[in-house]
Amino acid sequence: MKIAQKAKMKRMFNEAGIQVNINALNMLDDQLDRLVHRWVQNTKDGNVRRLTPELLWIALGKFIQNP
C-alpha cells in the first residue's frame, strides 16, 4: 500500500543534501505502512472508536500517559 508521497519524501532528503533512490523510497514507504498498521492495531486494542488528540498516546503505544 502506498502511504507516503514519494516526491515529497525525496524533496525532504534532497533539501538535507542527501540523495535517495527509488528503492530506498519504497523501503521507507513500507516502513511507514508498518508503522501506521501498528498505530491502528494499538488504537483498536485500546478500544478507541474515535481517535482524538487527547487519545493519540494510545495509537502511538505510549500506554503510560504523561500528565
N, C-alpha and C. Protein backbone atom coordinates (compact mmCIF):
# COMPACT_ATOMS: atom_id res chain seq x y z
N MET A 1 0.85 -1.17 0.00
CA MET A 1 0.00 0.00 0.00
C MET A 1 0.89 1.24 0.00
N LYS A 2 0.55 2.19 -0.81
CA LYS A 2 1.30 3.45 -0.85
C LYS A 2 0.82 4.35 0.27
N ILE A 3 1.73 4.72 1.15
CA ILE A 3 1.39 5.57 2.29
C ILE A 3 1.86 7.00 2.05
N ALA A 4 3.11 7.13 1.63
CA ALA A 4 3.73 8.46 1.55
C ALA A 4 3.77 8.98 0.12
N GLN A 5 3.87 10.27 0.00
CA GLN A 5 4.12 10.90 -1.29
C GLN A 5 5.63 10.87 -1.50
N LYS A 6 6.05 9.99 -2.40
CA LYS A 6 7.48 9.78 -2.59
C LYS A 6 8.19 11.05 -3.06
N ALA A 7 7.53 11.87 -3.88
CA ALA A 7 8.16 13.11 -4.33
C ALA A 7 8.45 14.02 -3.15
N LYS A 8 7.53 14.07 -2.19
CA LYS A 8 7.74 14.92 -1.01
C LYS A 8 8.87 14.36 -0.15
N MET A 9 8.90 13.03 0.03
CA MET A 9 9.97 12.42 0.81
C MET A 9 11.33 12.68 0.15
N LYS A 10 11.39 12.50 -1.17
CA LYS A 10 12.63 12.70 -1.89
C LYS A 10 13.08 14.16 -1.76
N ARG A 11 12.16 15.10 -1.87
CA ARG A 11 12.48 16.52 -1.74
C ARG A 11 13.06 16.82 -0.35
N MET A 12 12.49 16.21 0.68
CA MET A 12 12.98 16.44 2.04
C MET A 12 14.42 15.95 2.19
N PHE A 13 14.71 14.77 1.64
CA PHE A 13 16.08 14.26 1.69
C PHE A 13 17.01 15.17 0.88
N ASN A 14 16.57 15.55 -0.31
CA ASN A 14 17.40 16.40 -1.16
C ASN A 14 17.70 17.75 -0.51
N GLU A 15 16.72 18.32 0.18
CA GLU A 15 16.94 19.59 0.88
C GLU A 15 17.98 19.47 1.98
N ALA A 16 18.12 18.24 2.50
CA ALA A 16 19.13 17.99 3.53
C ALA A 16 20.47 17.60 2.91
N GLY A 17 20.52 17.59 1.56
CA GLY A 17 21.77 17.25 0.87
C GLY A 17 22.00 15.76 0.73
N ILE A 18 20.93 14.97 0.82
CA ILE A 18 21.03 13.51 0.75
C ILE A 18 20.35 13.03 -0.50
N GLN A 19 21.08 12.22 -1.27
CA GLN A 19 20.48 11.61 -2.45
C GLN A 19 19.83 10.30 -2.03
N VAL A 20 18.65 10.03 -2.59
CA VAL A 20 17.93 8.81 -2.24
C VAL A 20 17.33 8.24 -3.52
N ASN A 21 17.49 6.93 -3.71
CA ASN A 21 16.94 6.33 -4.93
C ASN A 21 15.56 5.75 -4.67
N ILE A 22 14.92 5.30 -5.75
CA ILE A 22 13.54 4.83 -5.66
C ILE A 22 13.40 3.59 -4.78
N ASN A 23 14.42 2.72 -4.78
CA ASN A 23 14.35 1.52 -3.93
C ASN A 23 14.34 1.89 -2.46
N ALA A 24 15.17 2.86 -2.09
CA ALA A 24 15.19 3.32 -0.70
C ALA A 24 13.86 3.97 -0.34
N LEU A 25 13.30 4.76 -1.26
CA LEU A 25 11.99 5.37 -1.00
C LEU A 25 10.91 4.32 -0.82
N ASN A 26 10.95 3.27 -1.63
CA ASN A 26 9.98 2.19 -1.49
C ASN A 26 10.12 1.49 -0.14
N MET A 27 11.36 1.30 0.31
CA MET A 27 11.58 0.67 1.61
C MET A 27 11.09 1.56 2.75
N LEU A 28 11.32 2.86 2.64
CA LEU A 28 10.82 3.79 3.65
C LEU A 28 9.29 3.79 3.67
N ASP A 29 8.68 3.73 2.48
CA ASP A 29 7.23 3.69 2.39
C ASP A 29 6.69 2.42 3.06
N ASP A 30 7.39 1.31 2.87
CA ASP A 30 6.99 0.05 3.51
C ASP A 30 7.06 0.18 5.03
N GLN A 31 8.11 0.83 5.53
CA GLN A 31 8.23 1.02 6.97
C GLN A 31 7.11 1.92 7.51
N LEU A 32 6.76 2.95 6.76
CA LEU A 32 5.65 3.82 7.17
C LEU A 32 4.34 3.04 7.21
N ASP A 33 4.15 2.16 6.23
CA ASP A 33 2.96 1.34 6.20
C ASP A 33 2.87 0.46 7.44
N ARG A 34 3.99 -0.15 7.82
CA ARG A 34 4.02 -0.99 9.03
C ARG A 34 3.74 -0.16 10.29
N LEU A 35 4.29 1.05 10.32
CA LEU A 35 4.08 1.92 11.48
C LEU A 35 2.62 2.31 11.61
N VAL A 36 1.99 2.67 10.51
CA VAL A 36 0.58 3.05 10.55
C VAL A 36 -0.28 1.85 10.95
N HIS A 37 0.05 0.67 10.45
CA HIS A 37 -0.69 -0.53 10.86
C HIS A 37 -0.56 -0.76 12.37
N ARG A 38 0.64 -0.52 12.91
CA ARG A 38 0.84 -0.67 14.35
C ARG A 38 -0.02 0.33 15.11
N TRP A 39 -0.08 1.58 14.62
CA TRP A 39 -0.93 2.60 15.26
C TRP A 39 -2.39 2.18 15.25
N VAL A 40 -2.83 1.66 14.12
CA VAL A 40 -4.23 1.21 14.01
C VAL A 40 -4.49 0.09 15.00
N GLN A 41 -3.58 -0.89 15.07
CA GLN A 41 -3.78 -2.01 15.98
C GLN A 41 -3.76 -1.55 17.44
N ASN A 42 -2.84 -0.62 17.78
CA ASN A 42 -2.80 -0.09 19.15
C ASN A 42 -4.12 0.59 19.50
N THR A 43 -4.66 1.36 18.56
CA THR A 43 -5.92 2.06 18.79
C THR A 43 -7.06 1.07 18.97
N LYS A 44 -7.08 0.06 18.13
CA LYS A 44 -8.12 -0.98 18.23
C LYS A 44 -7.99 -1.74 19.54
N ASP A 45 -6.76 -2.11 19.91
CA ASP A 45 -6.54 -2.83 21.17
C ASP A 45 -6.89 -1.98 22.38
N GLY A 46 -6.75 -0.66 22.23
CA GLY A 46 -7.10 0.27 23.31
C GLY A 46 -8.59 0.57 23.38
N ASN A 47 -9.37 -0.10 22.52
CA ASN A 47 -10.83 0.03 22.49
C ASN A 47 -11.26 1.48 22.23
N VAL A 48 -10.52 2.14 21.33
CA VAL A 48 -10.83 3.52 20.96
C VAL A 48 -11.58 3.50 19.64
N ARG A 49 -12.75 4.11 19.62
CA ARG A 49 -13.55 4.14 18.40
C ARG A 49 -13.38 5.43 17.63
N ARG A 50 -12.99 6.49 18.31
CA ARG A 50 -12.74 7.78 17.64
C ARG A 50 -11.44 8.33 18.19
N LEU A 51 -10.43 8.42 17.33
CA LEU A 51 -9.13 8.90 17.76
C LEU A 51 -9.12 10.44 17.77
N THR A 52 -8.82 10.98 18.93
CA THR A 52 -8.75 12.43 19.11
C THR A 52 -7.33 12.78 19.59
N PRO A 53 -6.98 14.05 19.56
CA PRO A 53 -5.65 14.43 20.06
C PRO A 53 -5.42 13.98 21.51
N GLU A 54 -6.46 13.98 22.30
CA GLU A 54 -6.32 13.57 23.71
C GLU A 54 -6.03 12.08 23.84
N LEU A 55 -6.41 11.28 22.85
CA LEU A 55 -6.20 9.84 22.90
C LEU A 55 -5.07 9.36 21.99
N LEU A 56 -4.37 10.28 21.40
CA LEU A 56 -3.32 9.92 20.46
C LEU A 56 -2.23 9.06 21.09
N TRP A 57 -1.99 9.23 22.38
CA TRP A 57 -0.98 8.44 23.08
C TRP A 57 -1.27 6.95 22.99
N ILE A 58 -2.54 6.58 22.87
CA ILE A 58 -2.89 5.17 22.73
C ILE A 58 -2.42 4.64 21.39
N ALA A 59 -2.67 5.38 20.32
CA ALA A 59 -2.26 4.96 18.98
C ALA A 59 -0.74 4.86 18.89
N LEU A 60 -0.04 5.78 19.54
CA LEU A 60 1.41 5.79 19.48
C LEU A 60 2.04 4.73 20.36
N GLY A 61 1.24 4.06 21.18
CA GLY A 61 1.75 2.99 22.03
C GLY A 61 2.36 3.47 23.32
N LYS A 62 2.07 4.69 23.70
CA LYS A 62 2.60 5.24 24.95
C LYS A 62 1.54 5.04 26.01
N PHE A 63 1.52 3.86 26.58
CA PHE A 63 0.44 3.48 27.49
C PHE A 63 0.58 4.06 28.88
N ILE A 64 1.69 4.71 29.16
CA ILE A 64 1.84 5.45 30.41
C ILE A 64 1.64 6.91 30.05
N GLN A 65 0.43 7.42 30.28
CA GLN A 65 0.08 8.77 29.86
C GLN A 65 0.77 9.78 30.78
N ASN A 66 1.41 10.76 30.17
CA ASN A 66 2.06 11.82 30.94
C ASN A 66 1.02 12.88 31.30
N PRO A 67 1.05 13.35 32.56
CA PRO A 67 0.08 14.38 32.97
C PRO A 67 0.36 15.72 32.33
